[in-house]
Amino acid sequence: MDLQPELRDILMRNGLQAHVALDSGGYRLLVQGHDSPLLSYPITERQMLALTDWGTLTANKKAYNVLTGILSKDFYLPRISSMPATPTAA
């Protein structure tokens, strides 16, 4: 299963790829960075649904925050709540 398009784009811009897989143990988030091995994270069905739901701003924010919560031990991705709501001029 693929992550939502906006989430995939954010990850790719940061040198990461991720996919949701289902195996006999349940759902897994498979993540690989440009310089890291393939990492596998067990996820709940609820997390899987959040990561693959897309199309609204609320769903996109929820998916991003679920992703950062899962990956926070191995990768740095800022939480959306800490990001500005609108771009700021430099």
PDB file of N, CA and C in Angstrom:
ATOM      1  N   MET A   1       0.846  -1.172   0.000  1.00  0.00           N
ATOM      2  CA  MET A   1       0.000   0.000   0.000  1.00  0.00           C
ATOM      3  C   MET A   1       0.890   1.233   0.000  1.00  0.00           C
ATOM      4  N   ASP A   2       0.460   2.195  -0.727  1.00  0.00           N
ATOM      5  CA  ASP A   2       1.247   3.421  -0.796  1.00  0.00           C
ATOM      6  C   ASP A   2       0.767   4.447   0.216  1.00  0.00           C
ATOM      7  N   LEU A   3       1.694   5.240   0.651  1.00  0.00           N
ATOM      8  CA  LEU A   3       1.357   6.390   1.484  1.00  0.00           C
ATOM      9  C   LEU A   3       0.672   7.424   0.608  1.00  0.00           C
ATOM     10  N   GLN A   4       0.024   8.358   1.234  1.00  0.00           N
ATOM     11  CA  GLN A   4      -0.624   9.413   0.462  1.00  0.00           C
ATOM     12  C   GLN A   4       0.422  10.182  -0.357  1.00  0.00           C
ATOM     13  N   PRO A   5       0.032  10.713  -1.522  1.00  0.00           N
ATOM     14  CA  PRO A   5       0.985  11.371  -2.423  1.00  0.00           C
ATOM     15  C   PRO A   5       1.761  12.528  -1.795  1.00  0.00           C
ATOM     16  N   GLU A   6       1.095  13.368  -1.005  1.00  0.00           N
ATOM     17  CA  GLU A   6       1.775  14.507  -0.394  1.00  0.00           C
ATOM     18  C   GLU A   6       2.854  14.039   0.581  1.00  0.00           C
ATOM     19  N   LEU A   7       2.554  12.983   1.317  1.00  0.00           N
ATOM     20  CA  LEU A   7       3.495  12.439   2.279  1.00  0.00           C
ATOM     21  C   LEU A   7       4.696  11.813   1.562  1.00  0.00           C
ATOM     22  N   ARG A   8       4.442  11.080   0.491  1.00  0.00           N
ATOM     23  CA  ARG A   8       5.539  10.507  -0.300  1.00  0.00           C
ATOM     24  C   ARG A   8       6.452  11.602  -0.835  1.00  0.00           C
ATOM     25  N   ASP A   9       5.864  12.704  -1.288  1.00  0.00           N
ATOM     26  CA  ASP A   9       6.647  13.816  -1.830  1.00  0.00           C
ATOM     27  C   ASP A   9       7.547  14.430  -0.758  1.00  0.00           C
ATOM     28  N   ILE A  10       7.006  14.641   0.437  1.00  0.00           N
ATOM     29  CA  ILE A  10       7.798  15.196   1.537  1.00  0.00           C
ATOM     30  C   ILE A  10       8.969  14.273   1.857  1.00  0.00           C
ATOM     31  N   LEU A  11       8.691  12.985   1.940  1.00  0.00           N
ATOM     32  CA  LEU A  11       9.747  12.019   2.244  1.00  0.00           C
ATOM     33  C   LEU A  11      10.821  12.008   1.163  1.00  0.00           C
ATOM     34  N   MET A  12      10.414  11.993  -0.083  1.00  0.00           N
ATOM     35  CA  MET A  12      11.377  11.955  -1.184  1.00  0.00           C
ATOM     36  C   MET A  12      12.275  13.190  -1.184  1.00  0.00           C
ATOM     37  N   ARG A  13      11.699  14.351  -0.874  1.00  0.00           N
ATOM     38  CA  ARG A  13      12.503  15.564  -0.810  1.00  0.00           C
ATOM     39  C   ARG A  13      13.515  15.521   0.329  1.00  0.00           C
ATOM     40  N   ASN A  14      13.286  14.640   1.297  1.00  0.00           N
ATOM     41  CA  ASN A  14      14.197  14.489   2.430  1.00  0.00           C
ATOM     42  C   ASN A  14      15.018  13.207   2.346  1.00  0.00           C
ATOM     43  N   GLY A  15      15.068  12.600   1.165  1.00  0.00           N
ATOM     44  CA  GLY A  15      15.899  11.420   0.947  1.00  0.00           C
ATOM     45  C   GLY A  15      15.361  10.134   1.533  1.00  0.00           C
ATOM     46  N   LEU A  16      14.057  10.053   1.731  1.00  0.00           N
ATOM     47  CA  LEU A  16      13.439   8.855   2.305  1.00  0.00           C
ATOM     48  C   LEU A  16      12.401   8.266   1.370  1.00  0.00           C
ATOM     49  N   GLN A  17      12.213   6.963   1.472  1.00  0.00           N
ATOM     50  CA  GLN A  17      11.125   6.269   0.797  1.00  0.00           C
ATOM     51  C   GLN A  17      10.400   5.451   1.846  1.00  0.00           C
ATOM     52  N   ALA A  18       9.088   5.319   1.715  1.00  0.00           N
ATOM     53  CA  ALA A  18       8.331   4.526   2.677  1.00  0.00           C
ATOM     54  C   ALA A  18       7.128   3.887   1.997  1.00  0.00           C
ATOM     55  N   HIS A  19       6.793   2.700   2.479  1.00  0.00           N
ATOM     56  CA  HIS A  19       5.633   1.959   1.983  1.00  0.00           C
ATOM     57  C   HIS A  19       5.017   1.204   3.148  1.00  0.00           C
ATOM     58  N   VAL A  20       3.724   0.948   3.048  1.00  0.00           N
ATOM     59  CA  VAL A  20       3.033   0.131   4.033  1.00  0.00           C
ATOM     60  C   VAL A  20       2.904  -1.269   3.451  1.00  0.00           C
ATOM     61  N   ALA A  21       3.240  -2.281   4.251  1.00  0.00           N
ATOM     62  CA  ALA A  21       3.139  -3.672   3.820  1.00  0.00           C
ATOM     63  C   ALA A  21       2.329  -4.460   4.848  1.00  0.00           C
ATOM     64  N   LEU A  22       1.724  -5.527   4.378  1.00  0.00           N
ATOM     65  CA  LEU A  22       0.982  -6.433   5.251  1.00  0.00           C
ATOM     66  C   LEU A  22       1.646  -7.791   5.171  1.00  0.00           C
ATOM     67  N   ASP A  23       2.020  -8.334   6.333  1.00  0.00           N
ATOM     68  CA  ASP A  23       2.567  -9.688   6.369  1.00  0.00           C
ATOM     69  C   ASP A  23       1.823 -10.480   7.443  1.00  0.00           C
ATOM     70  N   SER A  24       2.278 -11.680   7.720  1.00  0.00           N
ATOM     71  CA  SER A  24       1.575 -12.529   8.686  1.00  0.00           C
ATOM     72  C   SER A  24       1.533 -11.922  10.088  1.00  0.00           C
ATOM     73  N   GLY A  25       2.440 -10.996  10.380  1.00  0.00           N
ATOM     74  CA  GLY A  25       2.472 -10.350  11.689  1.00  0.00           C
ATOM     75  C   GLY A  25       1.633  -9.095  11.769  1.00  0.00           C
ATOM     76  N   GLY A  26       1.074  -8.663  10.662  1.00  0.00           N
ATOM     77  CA  GLY A  26       0.262  -7.451  10.637  1.00  0.00           C
ATOM     78  C   GLY A  26       0.863  -6.404   9.707  1.00  0.00           C
ATOM     79  N   TYR A  27       0.483  -5.150   9.925  1.00  0.00           N
ATOM     80  CA  TYR A  27       0.953  -4.062   9.075  1.00  0.00           C
ATOM     81  C   TYR A  27       2.349  -3.614   9.498  1.00  0.00           C
ATOM     82  N   ARG A  28       3.134  -3.213   8.520  1.00  0.00           N
ATOM     83  CA  ARG A  28       4.488  -2.714   8.754  1.00  0.00           C
ATOM     84  C   ARG A  28       4.714  -1.496   7.878  1.00  0.00           C
ATOM     85  N   LEU A  29       5.439  -0.535   8.435  1.00  0.00           N
ATOM     86  CA  LEU A  29       5.893   0.613   7.667  1.00  0.00           C
ATOM     87  C   LEU A  29       7.346   0.348   7.304  1.00  0.00           C
ATOM     88  N   LEU A  30       7.629   0.250   6.020  1.00  0.00           N
ATOM     89  CA  LEU A  30       8.982   0.003   5.534  1.00  0.00           C
ATOM     90  C   LEU A  30       9.581   1.323   5.087  1.00  0.00           C
ATOM     91  N   VAL A  31      10.727   1.682   5.644  1.00  0.00           N
ATOM     92  CA  VAL A  31      11.339   2.983   5.380  1.00  0.00           C
ATOM     93  C   VAL A  31      12.806   2.797   5.043  1.00  0.00           C
ATOM     94  N   GLN A  32      13.247   3.542   4.025  1.00  0.00           N
ATOM     95  CA  GLN A  32      14.666   3.518   3.685  1.00  0.00           C
ATOM     96  C   GLN A  32      15.117   4.933   3.360  1.00  0.00           C
ATOM     97  N   GLY A  33      16.212   5.325   4.007  1.00  0.00           N
ATOM     98  CA  GLY A  33      16.831   6.606   3.724  1.00  0.00           C
ATOM     99  C   GLY A  33      17.915   6.424   2.684  1.00  0.00           C
ATOM    100  N   HIS A  34      18.384   7.525   2.113  1.00  0.00           N
ATOM    101  CA  HIS A  34      19.389   7.426   1.059  1.00  0.00           C
ATOM    102  C   HIS A  34      20.681   6.784   1.539  1.00  0.00           C
ATOM    103  N   ASP A  35      20.950   6.833   2.840  1.00  0.00           N
ATOM    104  CA  ASP A  35      22.186   6.246   3.372  1.00  0.00           C
ATOM    105  C   ASP A  35      21.923   5.306   4.544  1.00  0.00           C
ATOM    106  N   SER A  36      20.743   4.702   4.576  1.00  0.00           N
ATOM    107  CA  SER A  36      20.424   3.790   5.676  1.00  0.00           C
ATOM    108  C   SER A  36      19.850   2.491   5.136  1.00  0.00           C
ATOM    109  N   PRO A  37      19.911   1.439   5.924  1.00  0.00           N
ATOM    110  CA  PRO A  37      19.309   0.176   5.502  1.00  0.00           C
ATOM    111  C   PRO A  37      17.785   0.269   5.547  1.00  0.00           C
ATOM    112  N   LEU A  38      17.128  -0.698   4.970  1.00  0.00           N
ATOM    113  CA  LEU A  38      15.673  -0.766   5.027  1.00  0.00           C
ATOM    114  C   LEU A  38      15.255  -1.052   6.465  1.00  0.00           C
ATOM    115  N   LEU A  39      14.415  -0.190   7.013  1.00  0.00           N
ATOM    116  CA  LEU A  39      13.929  -0.342   8.388  1.00  0.00           C
ATOM    117  C   LEU A  39      12.451  -0.720   8.350  1.00  0.00           C
ATOM    118  N   SER A  40      12.047  -1.568   9.263  1.00  0.00           N
ATOM    119  CA  SER A  40      10.669  -2.036   9.317  1.00  0.00           C
ATOM    120  C   SER A  40      10.087  -1.695  10.688  1.00  0.00           C
ATOM    121  N   TYR A  41       8.923  -1.044  10.687  1.00  0.00           N
ATOM    122  CA  TYR A  41       8.253  -0.643  11.924  1.00  0.00           C
ATOM    123  C   TYR A  41       6.871  -1.292  11.971  1.00  0.00           C
ATOM    124  N   PRO A  42       6.548  -2.041  13.029  1.00  0.00           N
ATOM    125  CA  PRO A  42       5.179  -2.561  13.151  1.00  0.00           C
ATOM    126  C   PRO A  42       4.224  -1.397  13.405  1.00  0.00           C
ATOM    127  N   ILE A  43       3.091  -1.402  12.720  1.00  0.00           N
ATOM    128  CA  ILE A  43       2.099  -0.345  12.905  1.00  0.00           C
ATOM    129  C   ILE A  43       0.721  -0.972  13.086  1.00  0.00           C
ATOM    130  N   THR A  44      -0.154  -0.218  13.710  1.00  0.00           N
ATOM    131  CA  THR A  44      -1.527  -0.676  13.916  1.00  0.00           C
ATOM    132  C   THR A  44      -2.356  -0.406  12.665  1.00  0.00           C
ATOM    133  N   GLU A  45      -3.527  -1.016  12.612  1.00  0.00           N
ATOM    134  CA  GLU A  45      -4.430  -0.766  11.487  1.00  0.00           C
ATOM    135  C   GLU A  45      -4.832   0.708  11.463  1.00  0.00           C
ATOM    136  N   ARG A  46      -5.010   1.284  12.631  1.00  0.00           N
ATOM    137  CA  ARG A  46      -5.384   2.699  12.716  1.00  0.00           C
ATOM    138  C   ARG A  46      -4.274   3.599  12.126  1.00  0.00           C
ATOM    139  N   GLN A  47      -3.004   3.278  12.444  1.00  0.00           N
ATOM    140  CA  GLN A  47      -1.881   4.030  11.873  1.00  0.00           C
ATOM    141  C   GLN A  47      -1.821   3.842  10.361  1.00  0.00           C
ATOM    142  N   MET A  48      -2.055   2.608   9.893  1.00  0.00           N
ATOM    143  CA  MET A  48      -2.060   2.342   8.453  1.00  0.00           C
ATOM    144  C   MET A  48      -3.130   3.185   7.759  1.00  0.00           C
ATOM    145  N   LEU A  49      -4.308   3.231   8.335  1.00  0.00           N
ATOM    146  CA  LEU A  49      -5.390   4.023   7.734  1.00  0.00           C
ATOM    147  C   LEU A  49      -5.037   5.503   7.692  1.00  0.00           C
ATOM    148  N   ALA A  50      -4.432   6.010   8.742  1.00  0.00           N
ATOM    149  CA  ALA A  50      -4.034   7.422   8.769  1.00  0.00           C
ATOM    150  C   ALA A  50      -2.962   7.704   7.717  1.00  0.00           C
ATOM    151  N   LEU A  51      -2.018   6.789   7.540  1.00  0.00           N
ATOM    152  CA  LEU A  51      -0.923   6.999   6.589  1.00  0.00           C
ATOM    153  C   LEU A  51      -1.370   6.908   5.138  1.00  0.00           C
ATOM    154  N   THR A  52      -2.447   6.183   4.877  1.00  0.00           N
ATOM    155  CA  THR A  52      -2.886   6.000   3.489  1.00  0.00           C
ATOM    156  C   THR A  52      -4.096   6.856   3.125  1.00  0.00           C
ATOM    157  N   ASP A  53      -4.706   7.518   4.106  1.00  0.00           N
ATOM    158  CA  ASP A  53      -5.839   8.415   3.852  1.00  0.00           C
ATOM    159  C   ASP A  53      -5.300   9.749   3.369  1.00  0.00           C
ATOM    160  N   TRP A  54      -5.925  10.347   2.361  1.00  0.00           N
ATOM    161  CA  TRP A  54      -5.424  11.617   1.868  1.00  0.00           C
ATOM    162  C   TRP A  54      -6.521  12.399   1.174  1.00  0.00           C
ATOM    163  N   GLY A  55      -6.216  13.640   0.889  1.00  0.00           N
ATOM    164  CA  GLY A  55      -7.137  14.463   0.130  1.00  0.00           C
ATOM    165  C   GLY A  55      -7.616  15.702   0.865  1.00  0.00           C
ATOM    166  N   THR A  56      -7.552  15.685   2.184  1.00  0.00           N
ATOM    167  CA  THR A  56      -7.954  16.872   2.928  1.00  0.00           C
ATOM    168  C   THR A  56      -6.777  17.338   3.770  1.00  0.00           C
ATOM    169  N   LEU A  57      -6.781  18.586   4.132  1.00  0.00           N
ATOM    170  CA  LEU A  57      -5.714  19.146   4.954  1.00  0.00           C
ATOM    171  C   LEU A  57      -5.628  18.419   6.294  1.00  0.00           C
ATOM    172  N   THR A  58      -6.774  18.114   6.881  1.00  0.00           N
ATOM    173  CA  THR A  58      -6.800  17.410   8.158  1.00  0.00           C
ATOM    174  C   THR A  58      -6.179  16.022   8.035  1.00  0.00           C
ATOM    175  N   ALA A  59      -6.545  15.284   6.989  1.00  0.00           N
ATOM    176  CA  ALA A  59      -5.986  13.937   6.778  1.00  0.00           C
ATOM    177  C   ALA A  59      -4.484  14.013   6.532  1.00  0.00           C
ATOM    178  N   ASN A  60      -4.054  15.016   5.764  1.00  0.00           N
ATOM    179  CA  ASN A  60      -2.627  15.168   5.472  1.00  0.00           C
ATOM    180  C   ASN A  60      -1.827  15.459   6.745  1.00  0.00           C
ATOM    181  N   LYS A  61      -2.334  16.347   7.581  1.00  0.00           N
ATOM    182  CA  LYS A  61      -1.647  16.672   8.840  1.00  0.00           C
ATOM    183  C   LYS A  61      -1.593  15.459   9.763  1.00  0.00           C
ATOM    184  N   LYS A  62      -2.715  14.734   9.852  1.00  0.00           N
ATOM    185  CA  LYS A  62      -2.761  13.559  10.707  1.00  0.00           C
ATOM    186  C   LYS A  62      -1.757  12.509  10.220  1.00  0.00           C
ATOM    187  N   ALA A  63      -1.702  12.280   8.920  1.00  0.00           N
ATOM    188  CA  ALA A  63      -0.768  11.296   8.359  1.00  0.00           C
ATOM    189  C   ALA A  63       0.672  11.690   8.659  1.00  0.00           C
ATOM    190  N   TYR A  64       0.992  12.951   8.484  1.00  0.00           N
ATOM    191  CA  TYR A  64       2.357  13.415   8.740  1.00  0.00           C
ATOM    192  C   TYR A  64       2.721  13.244  10.213  1.00  0.00           C
ATOM    193  N   ASN A  65       1.818  13.602  11.111  1.00  0.00           N
ATOM    194  CA  ASN A  65       2.098  13.475  12.541  1.00  0.00           C
ATOM    195  C   ASN A  65       2.203  12.018  12.978  1.00  0.00           C
ATOM    196  N   VAL A  66       1.405  11.129  12.384  1.00  0.00           N
ATOM    197  CA  VAL A  66       1.531   9.696  12.670  1.00  0.00           C
ATOM    198  C   VAL A  66       2.896   9.218  12.196  1.00  0.00           C
ATOM    199  N   LEU A  67       3.296   9.622  10.997  1.00  0.00           N
ATOM    200  CA  LEU A  67       4.597   9.222  10.456  1.00  0.00           C
ATOM    201  C   LEU A  67       5.748   9.707  11.330  1.00  0.00           C
ATOM    202  N   THR A  68       5.723  10.965  11.740  1.00  0.00           N
ATOM    203  CA  THR A  68       6.810  11.483  12.568  1.00  0.00           C
ATOM    204  C   THR A  68       6.850  10.787  13.917  1.00  0.00           C
ATOM    205  N   GLY A  69       5.702  10.403  14.438  1.00  0.00           N
ATOM    206  CA  GLY A  69       5.671   9.672  15.695  1.00  0.00           C
ATOM    207  C   GLY A  69       6.328   8.301  15.576  1.00  0.00           C
ATOM    208  N   ILE A  70       6.112   7.639  14.452  1.00  0.00           N
ATOM    209  CA  ILE A  70       6.698   6.319  14.228  1.00  0.00           C
ATOM    210  C   ILE A  70       8.205   6.418  14.005  1.00  0.00           C
ATOM    211  N   LEU A  71       8.633   7.402  13.238  1.00  0.00           N
ATOM    212  CA  LEU A  71      10.039   7.498  12.825  1.00  0.00           C
ATOM    213  C   LEU A  71      10.916   8.318  13.766  1.00  0.00           C
ATOM    214  N   SER A  72      10.355   8.896  14.802  1.00  0.00           N
ATOM    215  CA  SER A  72      11.092   9.856  15.622  1.00  0.00           C
ATOM    216  C   SER A  72      12.360   9.303  16.266  1.00  0.00           C
ATOM    217  N   LYS A  73      12.450   8.010  16.516  1.00  0.00           N
ATOM    218  CA  LYS A  73      13.652   7.447  17.135  1.00  0.00           C
ATOM    219  C   LYS A  73      14.821   7.335  16.160  1.00  0.00           C
ATOM    220  N   ASP A  74      14.504   7.243  14.854  1.00  0.00           N
ATOM    221  CA  ASP A  74      15.550   7.011  13.858  1.00  0.00           C
ATOM    222  C   ASP A  74      15.785   8.175  12.896  1.00  0.00           C
ATOM    223  N   PHE A  75      14.782   9.036  12.725  1.00  0.00           N
ATOM    224  CA  PHE A  75      14.895  10.148  11.773  1.00  0.00           C
ATOM    225  C   PHE A  75      14.330  11.409  12.407  1.00  0.00           C
ATOM    226  N   TYR A  76      14.841  12.552  11.982  1.00  0.00           N
ATOM    227  CA  TYR A  76      14.285  13.820  12.451  1.00  0.00           C
ATOM    228  C   TYR A  76      13.342  14.367  11.392  1.00  0.00           C
ATOM    229  N   LEU A  77      12.091  14.503  11.753  1.00  0.00           N
ATOM    230  CA  LEU A  77      11.086  15.169  10.927  1.00  0.00           C
ATOM    231  C   LEU A  77      10.303  16.069  11.871  1.00  0.00           C
ATOM    232  N   PRO A  78      10.272  17.378  11.624  1.00  0.00           N
ATOM    233  CA  PRO A  78       9.558  18.271  12.536  1.00  0.00           C
ATOM    234  C   PRO A  78       8.056  17.999  12.533  1.00  0.00           C
ATOM    235  N   ARG A  79       7.431  18.174  13.663  1.00  0.00           N
ATOM    236  CA  ARG A  79       5.979  18.043  13.762  1.00  0.00           C
ATOM    237  C   ARG A  79       5.329  19.208  13.030  1.00  0.00           C
ATOM    238  N   ILE A  80       4.167  18.969  12.460  1.00  0.00           N
ATOM    239  CA  ILE A  80       3.456  20.030  11.742  1.00  0.00           C
ATOM    240  C   ILE A  80       3.112  21.179  12.670  1.00  0.00           C
ATOM    241  N   SER A  81       2.777  20.887  13.910  1.00  0.00           N
ATOM    242  CA  SER A  81       2.398  21.958  14.837  1.00  0.00           C
ATOM    243  C   SER A  81       3.537  22.945  15.058  1.00  0.00           C
ATOM    244  N   SER A  82       4.787  22.514  14.778  1.00  0.00           N
ATOM    245  CA  SER A  82       5.922  23.427  14.954  1.00  0.00           C
ATOM    246  C   SER A  82       6.271  24.158  13.662  1.00  0.00           C
ATOM    247  N   MET A  83       5.552  23.853  12.595  1.00  0.00           N
ATOM    248  CA  MET A  83       5.835  24.482  11.301  1.00  0.00           C
ATOM    249  C   MET A  83       4.886  25.644  11.092  1.00  0.00           C
ATOM    250  N   PRO A  84       5.319  26.705  10.414  1.00  0.00           N
ATOM    251  CA  PRO A  84       4.424  27.829  10.157  1.00  0.00           C
ATOM    252  C   PRO A  84       3.253  27.419   9.277  1.00  0.00           C
ATOM    253  N   ALA A  85       2.101  28.009   9.510  1.00  0.00           N
ATOM    254  CA  ALA A  85       0.909  27.672   8.727  1.00  0.00           C
ATOM    255  C   ALA A  85       1.021  28.193   7.302  1.00  0.00           C
ATOM    256  N   THR A  86       1.720  29.304   7.142  1.00  0.00           N
ATOM    257  CA  THR A  86       1.898  29.875   5.803  1.00  0.00           C
ATOM    258  C   THR A  86       3.381  30.147   5.601  1.00  0.00           C
ATOM    259  N   PRO A  87       3.840  30.084   4.346  1.00  0.00           N
ATOM    260  CA  PRO A  87       5.270  30.385   4.111  1.00  0.00           C
ATOM    261  C   PRO A  87       5.603  31.797   4.549  1.00  0.00           C
ATOM    262  N   THR A  88       6.803  31.973   5.090  1.00  0.00           N
ATOM    263  CA  THR A  88       7.238  33.301   5.498  1.00  0.00           C
ATOM    264  C   THR A  88       8.279  33.813   4.519  1.00  0.00           C
ATOM    265  N   ALA A  89       8.297  35.101   4.314  1.00  0.00           N
ATOM    266  CA  ALA A  89       9.263  35.715   3.401  1.00  0.00           C
ATOM    267  C   ALA A  89      10.634  35.771   4.086  1.00  0.00           C
ATOM    268  N   ALA A  90      11.655  35.512   3.314  1.00  0.00           N
ATOM    269  CA  ALA A  90      13.015  35.519   3.878  1.00  0.00           C
ATOM    270  C   ALA A  90      13.594  36.920   3.875  1.00  0.00           C
TER     271      ALA A  90
END
